PDB file of N, CA and C in Angstrom:
ATOM      1  N   MET A   1       7.243  21.629  34.509  1.00  0.00           N
ATOM      2  CA  MET A   1       8.325  21.602  33.861  1.00  0.00           C
ATOM      3  C   MET A   1       9.773  21.446  32.259  1.00  0.00           C
ATOM      4  N   PHE A   2       8.448  20.438  32.166  1.00  0.00           N
ATOM      5  CA  PHE A   2       8.703  19.347  31.359  1.00  0.00           C
ATOM      6  C   PHE A   2       7.421  19.833  30.022  1.00  0.00           C
ATOM      7  N   THR A   3       6.681  20.010  30.165  1.00  0.00           N
ATOM      8  CA  THR A   3       5.718  20.982  29.785  1.00  0.00           C
ATOM      9  C   THR A   3       6.124  22.877  28.948  1.00  0.00           C
ATOM     10  N   LEU A   4       7.102  23.099  29.952  1.00  0.00           N
ATOM     11  CA  LEU A   4       7.438  24.825  29.707  1.00  0.00           C
ATOM     12  C   LEU A   4       7.807  23.540  28.636  1.00  0.00           C
ATOM     13  N   PHE A   5       9.925  22.845  28.411  1.00  0.00           N
ATOM     14  CA  PHE A   5      10.078  22.597  27.619  1.00  0.00           C
ATOM     15  C   PHE A   5       9.810  22.833  26.963  1.00  0.00           C
ATOM     16  N   ALA A   6       8.448  21.359  26.554  1.00  0.00           N
ATOM     17  CA  ALA A   6       8.434  20.954  25.811  1.00  0.00           C
ATOM     18  C   ALA A   6       8.032  21.908  24.679  1.00  0.00           C
ATOM     19  N   ALA A   7       6.720  23.547  24.751  1.00  0.00           N
ATOM     20  CA  ALA A   7       5.764  23.739  24.267  1.00  0.00           C
ATOM     21  C   ALA A   7       6.667  24.605  23.700  1.00  0.00           C
ATOM     22  N   TYR A   8       7.805  24.927  24.597  1.00  0.00           N
ATOM     23  CA  TYR A   8       8.824  26.050  24.031  1.00  0.00           C
ATOM     24  C   TYR A   8       9.347  25.291  22.651  1.00  0.00           C
ATOM     25  N   PHE A   9       9.871  24.330  22.487  1.00  0.00           N
ATOM     26  CA  PHE A   9      10.801  24.107  21.350  1.00  0.00           C
ATOM     27  C   PHE A   9       9.309  23.211  20.736  1.00  0.00           C
ATOM     28  N   ALA A  10       8.011  23.135  20.891  1.00  0.00           N
ATOM     29  CA  ALA A  10       7.422  23.011  19.311  1.00  0.00           C
ATOM     30  C   ALA A  10       7.297  23.970  18.939  1.00  0.00           C
ATOM     31  N   ARG A  11       6.774  25.303  19.664  1.00  0.00           N
ATOM     32  CA  ARG A  11       6.717  26.640  18.556  1.00  0.00           C
ATOM     33  C   ARG A  11       8.291  26.802  17.436  1.00  0.00           C
ATOM     34  N   GLN A  12       9.373  25.490  17.461  1.00  0.00           N
ATOM     35  CA  GLN A  12      10.122  26.725  16.604  1.00  0.00           C
ATOM     36  C   GLN A  12      10.747  25.263  15.662  1.00  0.00           C
ATOM     37  N   ILE A  13       8.621  24.278  15.633  1.00  0.00           N
ATOM     38  CA  ILE A  13       9.122  23.148  14.733  1.00  0.00           C
ATOM     39  C   ILE A  13       8.374  24.036  13.287  1.00  0.00           C
ATOM     40  N   GLU A  14       8.503  23.677  12.187  1.00  0.00           N
ATOM     41  CA  GLU A  14       8.028  25.080  10.645  1.00  0.00           C
ATOM     42  C   GLU A  14       7.018  23.977   9.657  1.00  0.00           C
ATOM     43  N   GLU A  15       6.088  24.135   9.309  1.00  0.00           N
ATOM     44  CA  GLU A  15       5.670  23.383   7.957  1.00  0.00           C
ATOM     45  C   GLU A  15       6.261  23.664   7.358  1.00  0.00           C
ATOM     46  N   ILE A  16       6.076  22.090   6.373  1.00  0.00           N
ATOM     47  CA  ILE A  16       6.737  21.416   5.234  1.00  0.00           C
ATOM     48  C   ILE A  16       5.641  22.330   3.725  1.00  0.00           C
ATOM     49  N   PRO A  17       6.889  23.014   3.544  1.00  0.00           N
ATOM     50  CA  PRO A  17       5.569  23.072   1.585  1.00  0.00           C
ATOM     51  C   PRO A  17       4.956  22.195   1.849  1.00  0.00           C
ATOM     52  N   GLY A  18       4.174  22.191   0.553  1.00  0.00           N
ATOM     53  CA  GLY A  18       3.288  21.673   0.210  1.00  0.00           C
ATOM     54  C   GLY A  18       4.328  20.718  -0.804  1.00  0.00           C
ATOM     55  N   ASP A  19       5.257  20.753  -1.493  1.00  0.00           N
ATOM     56  CA  ASP A  19       5.700  20.693  -2.619  1.00  0.00           C
ATOM     57  C   ASP A  19       7.443  19.252  -2.274  1.00  0.00           C
ATOM     58  N   GLN A  20       7.174  19.392  -1.493  1.00  0.00           N
ATOM     59  CA  GLN A  20       7.738  18.483  -0.165  1.00  0.00           C
ATOM     60  C   GLN A  20       7.700  17.662   0.739  1.00  0.00           C
ATOM     61  N   TYR A  21       8.180  16.537   1.225  1.00  0.00           N
ATOM     62  CA  TYR A  21       8.109  15.623   1.793  1.00  0.00           C
ATOM     63  C   TYR A  21       9.311  15.072   2.398  1.00  0.00           C
ATOM     64  N   LEU A  22       8.519  14.671   3.654  1.00  0.00           N
ATOM     65  CA  LEU A  22       9.261  14.292   5.195  1.00  0.00           C
ATOM     66  C   LEU A  22      10.602  13.592   4.379  1.00  0.00           C
ATOM     67  N   LEU A  23       9.766  12.371   3.214  1.00  0.00           N
ATOM     68  CA  LEU A  23      10.411  11.155   3.099  1.00  0.00           C
ATOM     69  C   LEU A  23      10.454  11.131   0.779  1.00  0.00           C
ATOM     70  N   PRO A  24      11.892  10.361   0.698  1.00  0.00           N
ATOM     71  CA  PRO A  24      12.120  10.974  -0.307  1.00  0.00           C
ATOM     72  C   PRO A  24      11.133  10.196  -1.790  1.00  0.00           C
ATOM     73  N   ASP A  25      11.043  10.475  -2.664  1.00  0.00           N
ATOM     74  CA  ASP A  25      10.349   9.804  -3.685  1.00  0.00           C
ATOM     75  C   ASP A  25      10.623   8.847  -3.754  1.00  0.00           C
ATOM     76  N   ASN A  26      11.786   7.873  -3.784  1.00  0.00           N
ATOM     77  CA  ASN A  26      12.169   6.191  -3.912  1.00  0.00           C
ATOM     78  C   ASN A  26      11.757   5.815  -3.104  1.00  0.00           C
ATOM     79  N   PHE A  27      11.686   6.394  -1.335  1.00  0.00           N
ATOM     80  CA  PHE A  27      11.578   5.232  -0.232  1.00  0.00           C
ATOM     81  C   PHE A  27      10.823   4.131  -0.075  1.00  0.00           C
ATOM     82  N   PRO A  28      10.620   3.212  -0.444  1.00  0.00           N
ATOM     83  CA  PRO A  28       9.560   1.999  -0.285  1.00  0.00           C
ATOM     84  C   PRO A  28       8.082   1.959   0.684  1.00  0.00           C
ATOM     85  N   LEU A  29       8.024   3.354   1.318  1.00  0.00           N
ATOM     86  CA  LEU A  29       7.049   3.130   1.786  1.00  0.00           C
ATOM     87  C   LEU A  29       6.542   3.719   1.033  1.00  0.00           C
ATOM     88  N   ILE A  30       7.021   5.675   0.969  1.00  0.00           N
ATOM     89  CA  ILE A  30       6.354   6.169  -0.439  1.00  0.00           C
ATOM     90  C   ILE A  30       5.853   5.685  -1.767  1.00  0.00           C
ATOM     91  N   LYS A  31       6.752   4.391  -2.510  1.00  0.00           N
ATOM     92  CA  LYS A  31       6.546   4.089  -3.706  1.00  0.00           C
ATOM     93  C   LYS A  31       4.850   3.100  -3.470  1.00  0.00           C
ATOM     94  N   GLY A  32       5.067   2.845  -2.102  1.00  0.00           N
ATOM     95  CA  GLY A  32       3.795   2.049  -2.093  1.00  0.00           C
ATOM     96  C   GLY A  32       2.353   2.629  -1.790  1.00  0.00           C
ATOM     97  N   LEU A  33       2.466   4.123  -0.293  1.00  0.00           N
ATOM     98  CA  LEU A  33       1.627   4.568  -1.219  1.00  0.00           C
ATOM     99  C   LEU A  33       1.298   4.932  -2.184  1.00  0.00           C
ATOM    100  N   GLN A  34       2.134   5.282  -2.989  1.00  0.00           N
ATOM    101  CA  GLN A  34       2.204   6.196  -4.223  1.00  0.00           C
ATOM    102  C   GLN A  34       1.291   4.870  -5.533  1.00  0.00           C
ATOM    103  N   ILE A  35       2.030   3.717  -5.292  1.00  0.00           N
ATOM    104  CA  ILE A  35       0.973   2.853  -6.369  1.00  0.00           C
ATOM    105  C   ILE A  35       0.122   2.650  -5.862  1.00  0.00           C
ATOM    106  N   GLU A  36      -1.057   2.626  -4.474  1.00  0.00           N
ATOM    107  CA  GLU A  36      -1.750   2.646  -3.868  1.00  0.00           C
ATOM    108  C   GLU A  36      -3.010   3.507  -4.516  1.00  0.00           C
ATOM    109  N   LYS A  37      -2.314   4.831  -4.041  1.00  0.00           N
ATOM    110  CA  LYS A  37      -3.172   6.287  -5.107  1.00  0.00           C
ATOM    111  C   LYS A  37      -3.501   6.539  -6.099  1.00  0.00           C
ATOM    112  N   ASN A  38      -2.330   6.150  -6.870  1.00  0.00           N
ATOM    113  CA  ASN A  38      -2.370   5.912  -8.061  1.00  0.00           C
ATOM    114  C   ASN A  38      -3.208   4.731  -9.147  1.00  0.00           C
ATOM    115  N   LEU A  39      -2.865   2.831  -8.598  1.00  0.00           N
ATOM    116  CA  LEU A  39      -3.659   2.394  -9.336  1.00  0.00           C
ATOM    117  C   LEU A  39      -5.194   1.506  -9.036  1.00  0.00           C
ATOM    118  N   PHE A  40      -5.577   2.588  -7.998  1.00  0.00           N
ATOM    119  CA  PHE A  40      -6.637   1.272  -6.816  1.00  0.00           C
ATOM    120  C   PHE A  40      -7.871   2.781  -6.277  1.00  0.00           C
ATOM    121  N   GLU A  41      -8.644   2.290  -6.607  1.00  0.00           N
ATOM    122  CA  GLU A  41     -10.078   3.506  -7.349  1.00  0.00           C
ATOM    123  C   GLU A  41      -9.748   3.696  -4.938  1.00  0.00           C
ATOM    124  N   GLN A  42     -10.103   4.763  -4.519  1.00  0.00           N
ATOM    125  CA  GLN A  42      -9.725   4.918  -3.326  1.00  0.00           C
ATOM    126  C   GLN A  42     -11.578   4.770  -2.027  1.00  0.00           C
ATOM    127  N   SER A  43     -11.106   3.587  -0.946  1.00  0.00           N
ATOM    128  CA  SER A  43     -12.403   4.023  -0.556  1.00  0.00           C
ATOM    129  C   SER A  43     -13.254   4.925   0.263  1.00  0.00           C
ATOM    130  N   THR A  44     -13.588   4.767   0.834  1.00  0.00           N
ATOM    131  CA  THR A  44     -14.504   5.777   2.248  1.00  0.00           C
ATOM    132  C   THR A  44     -14.389   4.499   2.820  1.00  0.00           C
ATOM    133  N   ILE A  45     -14.748   4.566   4.264  1.00  0.00           N
ATOM    134  CA  ILE A  45     -15.810   4.119   5.388  1.00  0.00           C
ATOM    135  C   ILE A  45     -17.029   3.206   4.944  1.00  0.00           C
ATOM    136  N   LEU A  46     -17.735   4.521   4.140  1.00  0.00           N
ATOM    137  CA  LEU A  46     -19.086   4.694   4.048  1.00  0.00           C
ATOM    138  C   LEU A  46     -19.057   3.745   2.621  1.00  0.00           C
ATOM    139  N   ASN A  47     -18.015   4.080   1.858  1.00  0.00           N
ATOM    140  CA  ASN A  47     -18.223   2.920   1.045  1.00  0.00           C
ATOM    141  C   ASN A  47     -17.418   2.008   1.158  1.00  0.00           C
ATOM    142  N   PRO A  48     -16.683   1.001   0.459  1.00  0.00           N
ATOM    143  CA  PRO A  48     -15.650   0.514   0.561  1.00  0.00           C
ATOM    144  C   PRO A  48     -15.684  -0.022  -0.915  1.00  0.00           C
ATOM    145  N   HIS A  49     -14.707  -0.602  -1.068  1.00  0.00           N
ATOM    146  CA  HIS A  49     -14.213  -0.779  -2.757  1.00  0.00           C
ATOM    147  C   HIS A  49     -13.764  -2.396  -2.362  1.00  0.00           C
ATOM    148  N   VAL A  50     -13.836  -3.757  -2.624  1.00  0.00           N
ATOM    149  CA  VAL A  50     -13.953  -4.484  -2.905  1.00  0.00           C
ATOM    150  C   VAL A  50     -13.347  -5.437  -3.427  1.00  0.00           C
ATOM    151  N   ASN A  51     -11.965  -5.522  -3.793  1.00  0.00           N
ATOM    152  CA  ASN A  51     -12.272  -7.103  -4.649  1.00  0.00           C
ATOM    153  C   ASN A  51     -11.774  -8.217  -4.906  1.00  0.00           C
ATOM    154  N   ILE A  52     -12.400  -9.090  -5.737  1.00  0.00           N
ATOM    155  CA  ILE A  52     -12.490 -10.597  -4.835  1.00  0.00           C
ATOM    156  C   ILE A  52     -11.640 -11.450  -6.494  1.00  0.00           C
ATOM    157  N   TYR A  53     -11.042 -12.250  -6.141  1.00  0.00           N
ATOM    158  CA  TYR A  53     -10.779 -13.069  -8.337  1.00  0.00           C
ATOM    159  C   TYR A  53     -10.791 -14.148  -6.665  1.00  0.00           C
ATOM    160  N   TRP A  54     -11.113 -15.112  -8.129  1.00  0.00           N
ATOM    161  CA  TRP A  54     -11.565 -16.869  -8.024  1.00  0.00           C
ATOM    162  C   TRP A  54     -10.967 -17.293  -8.894  1.00  0.00           C
ATOM    163  N   GLY A  55      -9.872 -18.498  -9.051  1.00  0.00           N
ATOM    164  CA  GLY A  55      -9.366 -18.792  -9.655  1.00  0.00           C
ATOM    165  C   GLY A  55      -8.319 -19.557  -9.423  1.00  0.00           C
ATOM    166  N   VAL A  56      -7.592 -18.026  -8.519  1.00  0.00           N
ATOM    167  CA  VAL A  56      -6.193 -18.347  -7.815  1.00  0.00           C
ATOM    168  C   VAL A  56      -5.486 -18.896  -7.000  1.00  0.00           C
ATOM    169  N   LYS A  57      -4.055 -19.159  -7.207  1.00  0.00           N
ATOM    170  CA  LYS A  57      -4.125 -20.270  -5.372  1.00  0.00           C
ATOM    171  C   LYS A  57      -3.343 -19.806  -4.854  1.00  0.00           C
ATOM    172  N   GLY A  58      -2.604 -18.880  -5.922  1.00  0.00           N
ATOM    173  CA  GLY A  58      -1.469 -17.304  -4.560  1.00  0.00           C
ATOM    174  C   GLY A  58      -0.611 -17.220  -5.518  1.00  0.00           C
ATOM    175  N   ILE A  59       0.650 -16.384  -5.255  1.00  0.00           N
ATOM    176  CA  ILE A  59       1.452 -15.735  -5.648  1.00  0.00           C
ATOM    177  C   ILE A  59       3.170 -16.603  -5.301  1.00  0.00           C
ATOM    178  N   ASN A  60       3.533 -16.084  -6.596  1.00  0.00           N
ATOM    179  CA  ASN A  60       4.933 -17.378  -6.768  1.00  0.00           C
ATOM    180  C   ASN A  60       6.052 -15.658  -6.527  1.00  0.00           C
ATOM    181  N   ARG A  61       6.692 -15.413  -5.432  1.00  0.00           N
ATOM    182  CA  ARG A  61       7.384 -14.489  -4.645  1.00  0.00           C
ATOM    183  C   ARG A  61       8.858 -15.583  -4.497  1.00  0.00           C
ATOM    184  N   GLU A  62       9.015 -16.604  -5.107  1.00  0.00           N
ATOM    185  CA  GLU A  62      10.413 -16.858  -5.459  1.00  0.00           C
ATOM    186  C   GLU A  62      11.378 -15.274  -6.036  1.00  0.00           C
ATOM    187  N   ASN A  63      12.831 -15.395  -5.408  1.00  0.00           N
ATOM    188  CA  ASN A  63      13.596 -14.754  -6.365  1.00  0.00           C
ATOM    189  C   ASN A  63      12.563 -13.179  -6.116  1.00  0.00           C
ATOM    190  N   LYS A  64      11.977 -13.285  -5.627  1.00  0.00           N
ATOM    191  CA  LYS A  64      12.123 -11.259  -5.390  1.00  0.00           C
ATOM    192  C   LYS A  64      12.039 -10.855  -4.205  1.00  0.00           C
ATOM    193  N   ASP A  65      12.317  -9.379  -4.297  1.00  0.00           N
ATOM    194  CA  ASP A  65      12.631  -8.343  -3.722  1.00  0.00           C
ATOM    195  C   ASP A  65      11.893  -8.311  -2.943  1.00  0.00           C
ATOM    196  N   LYS A  66      11.649  -8.515  -1.334  1.00  0.00           N
ATOM    197  CA  LYS A  66      10.030  -8.336  -0.007  1.00  0.00           C
ATOM    198  C   LYS A  66      10.116  -7.469   0.064  1.00  0.00           C
ATOM    199  N   TRP A  67      11.559  -6.054  -0.476  1.00  0.00           N
ATOM    200  CA  TRP A  67      11.416  -4.114  -0.031  1.00  0.00           C
ATOM    201  C   TRP A  67      10.464  -3.533  -0.801  1.00  0.00           C
ATOM    202  N   ASP A  68      11.145  -4.297  -1.815  1.00  0.00           N
ATOM    203  CA  ASP A  68      10.037  -4.149  -4.482  1.00  0.00           C
ATOM    204  C   ASP A  68       9.202  -3.929  -3.781  1.00  0.00           C
ATOM    205  N   PRO A  69       8.326  -2.991  -3.377  1.00  0.00           N
ATOM    206  CA  PRO A  69       6.565  -2.260  -3.837  1.00  0.00           C
ATOM    207  C   PRO A  69       6.445  -3.108  -5.551  1.00  0.00           C
ATOM    208  N   GLU A  70       7.287  -3.201  -6.128  1.00  0.00           N
ATOM    209  CA  GLU A  70       6.552  -2.480  -7.549  1.00  0.00           C
ATOM    210  C   GLU A  70       7.072  -4.358  -8.604  1.00  0.00           C
ATOM    211  N   ASP A  71       7.741  -5.474  -7.577  1.00  0.00           N
ATOM    212  CA  ASP A  71       8.160  -6.856  -7.506  1.00  0.00           C
ATOM    213  C   ASP A  71       7.337  -7.469  -6.996  1.00  0.00           C
ATOM    214  N   LEU A  72       6.359  -7.637  -7.156  1.00  0.00           N
ATOM    215  CA  LEU A  72       4.877  -7.938  -6.121  1.00  0.00           C
ATOM    216  C   LEU A  72       4.712  -9.408  -7.321  1.00  0.00           C
ATOM    217  N   GLY A  73       5.329  -9.577  -7.768  1.00  0.00           N
ATOM    218  CA  GLY A  73       4.980 -11.431  -7.654  1.00  0.00           C
ATOM    219  C   GLY A  73       4.655 -11.641  -9.109  1.00  0.00           C
ATOM    220  N   GLU A  74       4.195 -13.310  -9.224  1.00  0.00           N
ATOM    221  CA  GLU A  74       3.509 -14.170 -10.182  1.00  0.00           C
ATOM    222  C   GLU A  74       2.196 -14.567  -9.680  1.00  0.00           C
ATOM    223  N   ILE A  75       0.978 -14.095 -10.112  1.00  0.00           N
ATOM    224  CA  ILE A  75      -0.122 -14.737  -9.713  1.00  0.00           C
ATOM    225  C   ILE A  75      -0.252 -16.682 -10.809  1.00  0.00           C
ATOM    226  N   ILE A  76      -0.571 -17.192  -9.157  1.00  0.00           N
ATOM    227  CA  ILE A  76      -0.694 -18.740 -10.152  1.00  0.00           C
ATOM    228  C   ILE A  76      -2.603 -19.141 -10.409  1.00  0.00           C
ATOM    229  N   LEU A  77      -2.178 -20.105 -10.783  1.00  0.00           N
ATOM    230  CA  LEU A  77      -3.420 -20.172 -11.702  1.00  0.00           C
ATOM    231  C   LEU A  77      -3.930 -21.658 -10.853  1.00  0.00           C
ATOM    232  N   ASP A  78      -4.837 -21.541  -9.832  1.00  0.00           N
ATOM    233  CA  ASP A  78      -5.750 -22.822  -9.863  1.00  0.00           C
ATOM    234  C   ASP A  78      -6.670 -23.822 -11.645  1.00  0.00           C
ATOM    235  N   ASP A  79      -5.700 -24.914 -11.008  1.00  0.00           N
ATOM    236  CA  ASP A  79      -5.912 -25.347 -13.221  1.00  0.00           C
ATOM    237  C   ASP A  79      -7.835 -25.753 -12.865  1.00  0.00           C
ATOM    238  N   LEU A  80      -7.550 -26.292 -11.567  1.00  0.00           N
ATOM    239  CA  LEU A  80      -8.771 -26.724 -11.415  1.00  0.00           C
ATOM    240  C   LEU A  80      -9.770 -26.146 -11.276  1.00  0.00           C
ATOM    241  N   PHE A  81     -10.482 -25.081 -11.130  1.00  0.00           N
ATOM    242  CA  PHE A  81     -11.353 -24.193 -10.993  1.00  0.00           C
ATOM    243  C   PHE A  81     -12.113 -24.276 -12.584  1.00  0.00           C
ATOM    244  N   GLU A  82     -13.296 -24.287 -11.664  1.00  0.00           N
ATOM    245  CA  GLU A  82     -14.474 -24.258 -13.681  1.00  0.00           C
ATOM    246  C   GLU A  82     -15.070 -23.136 -12.704  1.00  0.00           C
ATOM    247  N   LEU A  83     -15.822 -22.469 -13.940  1.00  0.00           N
ATOM    248  CA  LEU A  83     -16.307 -20.287 -13.318  1.00  0.00           C
ATOM    249  C   LEU A  83     -17.670 -21.792 -12.681  1.00  0.00           C
ATOM    250  N   GLY A  84     -17.631 -22.155 -14.109  1.00  0.00           N
ATOM    251  CA  GLY A  84     -19.453 -22.491 -13.574  1.00  0.00           C
ATOM    252  C   GLY A  84     -19.848 -24.495 -12.696  1.00  0.00           C
ATOM    253  N   SER A  85     -18.787 -25.078 -12.460  1.00  0.00           N
ATOM    254  CA  SER A  85     -18.984 -25.698 -11.277  1.00  0.00           C
ATOM    255  C   SER A  85     -19.693 -25.292  -9.671  1.00  0.00           C
ATOM    256  N   LEU A  86     -20.517 -26.162  -9.351  1.00  0.00           N
ATOM    257  CA  LEU A  86     -21.125 -25.236  -8.385  1.00  0.00           C
ATOM    258  C   LEU A  86     -19.783 -25.833  -7.001  1.00  0.00           C
ATOM    259  N   GLU A  87     -19.394 -26.760  -6.829  1.00  0.00           N
ATOM    260  CA  GLU A  87     -18.839 -27.612  -5.416  1.00  0.00           C
ATOM    261  C   GLU A  87     -17.862 -25.690  -5.250  1.00  0.00           C
ATOM    262  N   THR A  88     -17.121 -24.987  -6.977  1.00  0.00           N
ATOM    263  CA  THR A  88     -16.272 -24.354  -7.132  1.00  0.00           C
ATOM    264  C   THR A  88     -17.438 -22.709  -5.730  1.00  0.00           C
TER     265      THR A  88
END
């Protein structure tokens, strides 16, 4: 019975046109996905892209909005880092 009920309502669902989205463009998740799509190279399972950074202690996120994907914070550089050093 439930299957018939679900099938009836599933037939009522219409496809969203290509230029319309379920969420608005200013929704934080959509903004984050757009940043990822536009600013970073796209990886595939057979051709992954990996960025490695040296000389960075972390990111200062003090007084930053954690819900704003464009408010990333500022990097904290390691003053003791030397590229030519074997210990590094």
